[in-house]
C-alpha atoms as a PDB file:
ATOM      1  CA  MET A   1      22.690 -11.553   3.109  1.00  0.00           C
ATOM      2  CA  ALA A   2      20.802 -12.285  -0.107  1.00  0.00           C
ATOM      3  CA  ASN A   3      20.864  -9.724  -2.874  1.00  0.00           C
ATOM      4  CA  VAL A   4      17.615  -7.879  -3.497  1.00  0.00           C
ATOM      5  CA  THR A   5      16.312  -6.532  -6.786  1.00  0.00           C
ATOM      6  CA  VAL A   6      13.800  -3.809  -7.529  1.00  0.00           C
ATOM      7  CA  ARG A   7      11.443  -6.618  -8.576  1.00  0.00           C
ATOM      8  CA  ASP A   8      11.758  -8.132  -5.059  1.00  0.00           C
ATOM      9  CA  VAL A   9      10.913  -4.796  -3.449  1.00  0.00           C
ATOM     10  CA  VAL A  10       7.950  -4.196  -5.779  1.00  0.00           C
ATOM     11  CA  ARG A  11       6.717  -7.712  -4.928  1.00  0.00           C
ATOM     12  CA  GLN A  12       7.126  -6.939  -1.210  1.00  0.00           C
ATOM     13  CA  ILE A  13       5.117  -3.731  -1.618  1.00  0.00           C
ATOM     14  CA  GLY A  14       2.415  -5.702  -3.447  1.00  0.00           C
ATOM     15  CA  GLN A  15       2.335  -8.241  -0.615  1.00  0.00           C
ATOM     16  CA  CYS A  16       1.896  -5.407   1.882  1.00  0.00           C
ATOM     17  CA  HIS A  17      -1.054  -4.065  -0.143  1.00  0.00           C
ATOM     18  CA  ALA A  18      -2.527  -7.587  -0.303  1.00  0.00           C
ATOM     19  CA  ALA A  19      -2.225  -7.976   3.481  1.00  0.00           C
ATOM     20  CA  LEU A  20      -3.930  -4.621   3.993  1.00  0.00           C
ATOM     21  CA  ALA A  21      -6.693  -5.598   1.552  1.00  0.00           C
ATOM     22  CA  ALA A  22      -7.280  -8.788   3.531  1.00  0.00           C
ATOM     23  CA  LEU A  23      -7.425  -6.866   6.820  1.00  0.00           C
ATOM     24  CA  TYR A  24      -9.888  -4.347   5.432  1.00  0.00           C
ATOM     25  CA  SER A  25     -12.032  -7.070   3.796  1.00  0.00           C
ATOM     26  CA  GLY A  26     -12.138  -8.973   7.063  1.00  0.00           C
ATOM     27  CA  LEU A  27     -13.227  -5.857   8.898  1.00  0.00           C
ATOM     28  CA  ALA A  28     -15.892  -5.103   6.270  1.00  0.00           C
ATOM     29  CA  ALA A  29     -17.348  -8.555   6.876  1.00  0.00           C
ATOM     30  CA  THR A  30     -17.472  -8.193  10.665  1.00  0.00           C
ATOM     31  CA  ALA A  31     -17.843  -4.463  11.356  1.00  0.00           C
ATOM     32  CA  SER A  32     -20.691  -3.509  13.640  1.00  0.00           C
ATOM     33  CA  GLY A  33     -21.191  -0.067  12.094  1.00  0.00           C
ATOM     34  CA  GLU A  34     -22.368   0.683   8.564  1.00  0.00           C
ATOM     35  CA  ARG A  35     -19.913   3.553   8.075  1.00  0.00           C
ATOM     36  CA  VAL A  36     -16.980   1.420   9.182  1.00  0.00           C
ATOM     37  CA  ARG A  37     -18.129  -1.381   6.875  1.00  0.00           C
ATOM     38  CA  MET A  38     -18.386   0.995   3.909  1.00  0.00           C
ATOM     39  CA  LEU A  39     -15.015   2.602   4.647  1.00  0.00           C
ATOM     40  CA  ALA A  40     -13.373  -0.810   5.069  1.00  0.00           C
ATOM     41  CA  GLN A  41     -14.823  -1.906   1.714  1.00  0.00           C
ATOM     42  CA  ALA A  42     -13.442   1.236   0.051  1.00  0.00           C
ATOM     43  CA  LEU A  43     -10.020   0.694   1.622  1.00  0.00           C
ATOM     44  CA  ALA A  44      -9.991  -2.971   0.586  1.00  0.00           C
ATOM     45  CA  ALA A  45     -10.879  -2.017  -3.000  1.00  0.00           C
ATOM     46  CA  ARG A  46      -8.087   0.570  -3.022  1.00  0.00           C
ATOM     47  CA  GLU A  47      -5.543  -1.939  -1.754  1.00  0.00           C
ATOM     48  CA  ASP A  48      -6.705  -4.464  -4.357  1.00  0.00           C
ATOM     49  CA  ARG A  49      -6.101  -1.851  -7.091  1.00  0.00           C
ATOM     50  CA  LEU A  50      -2.619  -1.210  -5.705  1.00  0.00           C
ATOM     51  CA  VAL A  51      -1.907  -4.963  -5.711  1.00  0.00           C
ATOM     52  CA  GLN A  52      -2.815  -4.941  -9.403  1.00  0.00           C
ATOM     53  CA  THR A  53      -0.582  -1.906  -9.981  1.00  0.00           C
ATOM     54  CA  THR A  54       2.437  -3.655  -8.499  1.00  0.00           C
ATOM     55  CA  ALA A  55       1.624  -6.794 -10.495  1.00  0.00           C
ATOM     56  CA  ARG A  56       1.584  -4.734 -13.709  1.00  0.00           C
ATOM     57  CA  TYR A  57       5.046  -3.393 -12.910  1.00  0.00           C
ATOM     58  CA  GLN A  58       6.335  -6.927 -12.445  1.00  0.00           C
ATOM     59  CA  ARG A  59       4.905  -8.056 -15.807  1.00  0.00           C
ATOM     60  CA  ASP A  60       6.048  -5.013 -17.799  1.00  0.00           C
ATOM     61  CA  GLU A  61       8.733  -6.187 -20.230  1.00  0.00           C
ATOM     62  CA  ALA A  62       9.900  -2.618 -20.882  1.00  0.00           C
ATOM     63  CA  SER A  63      10.733  -2.279 -17.175  1.00  0.00           C
ATOM     64  CA  LYS A  64      12.648  -5.584 -17.015  1.00  0.00           C
ATOM     65  CA  PRO A  65      16.135  -3.994 -16.869  1.00  0.00           C
ATOM     66  CA  THR A  66      14.965  -1.643 -14.119  1.00  0.00           C
ATOM     67  CA  LEU A  67      13.263  -4.446 -12.194  1.00  0.00           C
ATOM     68  CA  ASP A  68      16.463  -6.498 -12.362  1.00  0.00           C
ATOM     69  CA  TYR A  69      18.534  -3.694 -10.762  1.00  0.00           C
ATOM     70  CA  TRP A  70      20.299  -4.934  -7.609  1.00  0.00           C
ATOM     71  CA  PHE A  71      20.362  -3.001  -4.352  1.00  0.00           C
ATOM     72  CA  LYS A  72      23.613  -2.884  -2.402  1.00  0.00           C
ATOM     73  CA  ALA A  73      21.694  -3.318   0.858  1.00  0.00           C
ATOM     74  CA  LYS A  74      18.276  -4.846   1.422  1.00  0.00           C
ATOM     75  CA  PRO A  75      15.623  -2.161   1.945  1.00  0.00           C
ATOM     76  CA  ILE A  76      13.879  -2.777   5.264  1.00  0.00           C
ATOM     77  CA  MET A  77      10.088  -2.472   5.381  1.00  0.00           C
ATOM     78  CA  PRO A  78       8.992  -0.157   8.235  1.00  0.00           C
ATOM     79  CA  GLU A  79       7.862  -1.776  11.482  1.00  0.00           C
ATOM     80  CA  ALA A  80       4.455  -0.091  11.085  1.00  0.00           C
ATOM     81  CA  LEU A  81       3.854  -2.316   8.054  1.00  0.00           C
ATOM     82  CA  SER A  82       4.580  -5.575   9.852  1.00  0.00           C
ATOM     83  CA  LEU A  83       0.992  -6.784   9.683  1.00  0.00           C
ATOM     84  CA  ASP A  84       1.474 -10.354  10.948  1.00  0.00           C
ATOM     85  CA  GLY A  85      -1.037 -10.952  13.704  1.00  0.00           C
ATOM     86  CA  VAL A  86      -2.745  -7.573  13.279  1.00  0.00           C
ATOM     87  CA  GLN A  87      -6.514  -7.696  13.621  1.00  0.00           C
ATOM     88  CA  LEU A  88      -8.885  -4.792  13.223  1.00  0.00           C
ATOM     89  CA  ASP A  89     -11.544  -4.521  15.922  1.00  0.00           C
ATOM     90  CA  PRO A  90     -15.087  -4.858  14.491  1.00  0.00           C
ATOM     91  CA  GLN A  91     -16.163  -2.233  17.053  1.00  0.00           C
ATOM     92  CA  MET A  92     -13.669   0.369  15.838  1.00  0.00           C
ATOM     93  CA  THR A  93     -14.847   3.788  14.699  1.00  0.00           C
ATOM     94  CA  THR A  94     -14.327   5.371  11.307  1.00  0.00           C
ATOM     95  CA  ASP A  95     -11.811   7.726  12.923  1.00  0.00           C
ATOM     96  CA  GLU A  96      -9.816   4.787  14.277  1.00  0.00           C
ATOM     97  CA  LEU A  97      -9.932   3.005  10.921  1.00  0.00           C
ATOM     98  CA  SER A  98      -8.928   6.175   9.102  1.00  0.00           C
ATOM     99  CA  ALA A  99      -6.022   6.707  11.505  1.00  0.00           C
ATOM    100  CA  PHE A 100      -4.834   3.134  10.930  1.00  0.00           C
ATOM    101  CA  GLY A 101      -5.064   3.589   7.151  1.00  0.00           C
ATOM    102  CA  VAL A 102      -3.309   6.954   7.189  1.00  0.00           C
ATOM    103  CA  GLY A 103      -0.501   5.496   9.312  1.00  0.00           C
ATOM    104  CA  CYS A 104      -0.008   2.598   6.901  1.00  0.00           C
ATOM    105  CA  ASP A 105      -0.171   4.929   3.889  1.00  0.00           C
ATOM    106  CA  ALA A 106       2.424   7.245   5.421  1.00  0.00           C
ATOM    107  CA  ALA A 107       4.781   4.399   6.343  1.00  0.00           C
ATOM    108  CA  LEU A 108       4.540   2.853   2.877  1.00  0.00           C
ATOM    109  CA  GLY A 109       4.985   6.236   1.187  1.00  0.00           C
ATOM    110  CA  GLU A 110       8.083   6.956   3.262  1.00  0.00           C
ATOM    111  CA  PHE A 111       9.465   3.495   2.478  1.00  0.00           C
ATOM    112  CA  VAL A 112       9.047   4.021  -1.273  1.00  0.00           C
ATOM    113  CA  GLN A 113      10.518   7.526  -1.037  1.00  0.00           C
ATOM    114  CA  ARG A 114      13.511   6.270   0.968  1.00  0.00           C
ATOM    115  CA  ILE A 115      14.216   3.560  -1.610  1.00  0.00           C
ATOM    116  CA  SER A 116      13.951   6.049  -4.447  1.00  0.00           C
ATOM    117  CA  GLU A 117      16.412   8.403  -2.769  1.00  0.00           C
ATOM    118  CA  ALA A 118      18.871   5.613  -1.890  1.00  0.00           C
ATOM    119  CA  THR A 119      19.662   4.654  -5.478  1.00  0.00           C
ATOM    120  CA  ASN A 120      21.762   6.318  -8.142  1.00  0.00           C
ATOM    121  CA  SER A 121      19.735   4.816 -10.980  1.00  0.00           C
ATOM    122  CA  LEU A 122      17.410   7.353 -12.567  1.00  0.00           C
ATOM    123  CA  LYS A 123      15.229   4.563 -13.974  1.00  0.00           C
ATOM    124  CA  VAL A 124      14.765   3.061 -10.492  1.00  0.00           C
ATOM    125  CA  GLN A 125      14.005   6.509  -9.075  1.00  0.00           C
ATOM    126  CA  GLU A 126      11.422   7.069 -11.809  1.00  0.00           C
ATOM    127  CA  LEU A 127       9.787   3.685 -11.216  1.00  0.00           C
ATOM    128  CA  PHE A 128       9.399   4.285  -7.489  1.00  0.00           C
ATOM    129  CA  ALA A 129       8.303   7.901  -8.008  1.00  0.00           C
ATOM    130  CA  ASP A 130       5.602   6.637 -10.373  1.00  0.00           C
ATOM    131  CA  LEU A 131       4.559   3.946  -7.906  1.00  0.00           C
ATOM    132  CA  ARG A 132       4.350   6.499  -5.109  1.00  0.00           C
ATOM    133  CA  ALA A 133       2.316   8.871  -7.296  1.00  0.00           C
ATOM    134  CA  GLN A 134      -0.170   6.080  -8.004  1.00  0.00           C
ATOM    135  CA  GLN A 135      -0.403   5.254  -4.296  1.00  0.00           C
ATOM    136  CA  GLU A 136      -1.042   8.917  -3.487  1.00  0.00           C
ATOM    137  CA  ALA A 137      -3.730   9.130  -6.181  1.00  0.00           C
ATOM    138  CA  GLU A 138      -5.476   6.133  -4.610  1.00  0.00           C
ATOM    139  CA  VAL A 139      -5.237   7.781  -1.172  1.00  0.00           C
ATOM    140  CA  ARG A 140      -6.878  10.950  -2.543  1.00  0.00           C
ATOM    141  CA  GLN A 141      -9.632   8.891  -4.187  1.00  0.00           C
ATOM    142  CA  THR A 142     -10.271   7.056  -0.928  1.00  0.00           C
ATOM    143  CA  ALA A 143     -10.459  10.385   0.920  1.00  0.00           C
ATOM    144  CA  ARG A 144     -13.210  11.482  -1.472  1.00  0.00           C
ATOM    145  CA  VAL A 145     -15.079   8.202  -0.905  1.00  0.00           C
ATOM    146  CA  THR A 146     -14.683   8.599   2.852  1.00  0.00           C
ATOM    147  CA  LEU A 147     -16.159  12.092   2.730  1.00  0.00           C
ATOM    148  CA  SER A 148     -19.099  10.878   0.700  1.00  0.00           C
ATOM    149  CA  VAL A 149     -19.696   8.005   3.153  1.00  0.00           C
ATOM    150  CA  GLU A 150     -19.716  10.448   6.044  1.00  0.00           C
ATOM    151  CA  ARG A 151     -22.030  12.841   4.173  1.00  0.00           C
ATOM    152  CA  ASP A 152     -24.445  10.209   2.876  1.00  0.00           C
ATOM    153  CA  LEU A 153     -25.098   8.331   6.122  1.00  0.00           C
END
């Protein structure tokens, strides 16, 4: 088994956000309903911001020692985030899209929390706690956008 660093896990999380952004962008382009299209656009924008967040972590020189920390065992991404072959139905409702997004958010949040709890390094715990806090802030912002989409249409 190959050794895995914090940097590898942060990259993997960024790749998950990128895959979600692509799914949501694809749905926004093909959705039959205006509300679904608007929600998919908001979700894609959120995932793009989270891709940029993970990229900033990887470039941060001050975090280099933390990013180079080795895990004893490779953290396993939850099955719910295995997005290979997943396609979002252009006929789906906003409720269905929201449920999909909430499920992915919860699985990713639990993954980050589990990693944070599995290490003895306070710096690694802080990095993942900060990453999770930023993800949760984006989720709250998207919830506000979703409410405004529902109210405005």
